Protein backbone atom coordinates (compact mmCIF):
# COMPACT_ATOMS: atom_id res chain seq x y z
CA MET A 1 -16.54 16.04 -16.33
CA THR A 2 -19.58 13.96 -18.07
CA LYS A 3 -21.06 10.72 -16.41
CA LEU A 4 -19.10 8.66 -19.03
CA GLN A 5 -15.85 10.07 -18.11
CA ILE A 6 -16.45 9.48 -14.20
CA THR A 7 -17.54 5.87 -14.98
CA THR A 8 -14.26 5.42 -17.22
CA ILE A 9 -12.24 6.50 -14.38
CA LEU A 10 -14.02 4.31 -11.90
CA LEU A 11 -13.67 1.50 -14.25
CA ILE A 12 -10.02 1.98 -14.50
CA ILE A 13 -9.49 1.86 -10.80
CA ALA A 14 -11.71 -1.30 -10.64
CA TYR A 15 -9.43 -2.88 -13.40
CA PHE A 16 -6.35 -2.27 -11.49
CA ILE A 17 -7.99 -3.72 -8.18
CA TRP A 18 -9.02 -6.83 -10.33
CA GLU A 19 -5.60 -7.12 -11.64
CA LEU A 20 -4.13 -7.02 -8.19
CA PHE A 21 -6.47 -9.96 -6.91
CA VAL A 22 -5.69 -11.98 -10.02
CA TRP A 23 -1.98 -11.46 -9.51
CA PHE A 24 -2.21 -12.61 -5.80
CA TRP A 25 -4.53 -15.52 -7.21
CA ALA A 26 -2.04 -16.66 -9.66
CA LYS A 27 1.01 -16.09 -7.31
CA GLY A 28 -0.65 -18.79 -5.08
CA GLN A 29 -1.23 -21.43 -7.81
CA PRO A 30 1.22 -24.45 -8.11
CA GLU A 31 3.91 -24.31 -10.67
CA SER A 32 2.59 -27.71 -12.07
CA SER A 33 -0.94 -26.27 -12.88
CA GLY A 34 0.34 -25.06 -16.13
CA ALA A 35 -0.12 -21.78 -17.92
CA ILE A 36 -2.95 -19.38 -16.84
CA ILE A 37 -5.12 -18.35 -19.56
CA ARG A 38 -6.65 -14.90 -19.03
CA VAL A 39 -9.84 -14.93 -20.89
CA ASP A 40 -11.33 -12.10 -18.77
CA LEU A 41 -9.08 -9.74 -20.64
CA ILE A 42 -10.85 -10.38 -23.88
CA ILE A 43 -13.88 -8.45 -22.26
CA ILE A 44 -12.22 -6.02 -20.31
CA PHE A 45 -9.91 -4.60 -22.58
CA PRO A 46 -12.23 -3.75 -25.48
CA ILE A 47 -14.87 -2.22 -23.00
CA LEU A 48 -11.96 -0.07 -21.44
CA LEU A 49 -10.57 1.00 -24.86
CA VAL A 50 -13.98 2.10 -26.23
CA LEU A 51 -14.72 4.17 -22.92
CA ILE A 52 -11.14 5.83 -22.93
CA ILE A 53 -11.45 6.60 -26.47
CA VAL A 54 -15.18 8.12 -26.27
CA SER A 55 -14.05 10.03 -23.01
CA ILE A 56 -11.00 11.51 -24.78
CA TYR A 57 -13.17 12.55 -27.64
CA GLN A 58 -15.69 14.06 -25.25
CA TYR A 59 -12.80 15.97 -23.35
CA PHE A 60 -11.34 17.61 -26.39
CA LYS A 61 -14.61 18.36 -28.04
CA LYS A 62 -15.57 20.96 -25.35
């Protein structure tokens, strides 16, 4: 495994932990606060997508 593939796996695990924390936070918000807008996903998803695509490319290139 390359360093990029290991980094990708670690970031995917970190993403799931982040989602768990956000879920607990959102669950604790009052109903009257309105909709929760997840701007963090605009940054997280493209980074994870690029890392996953490059890692898969590296894996099958060998």
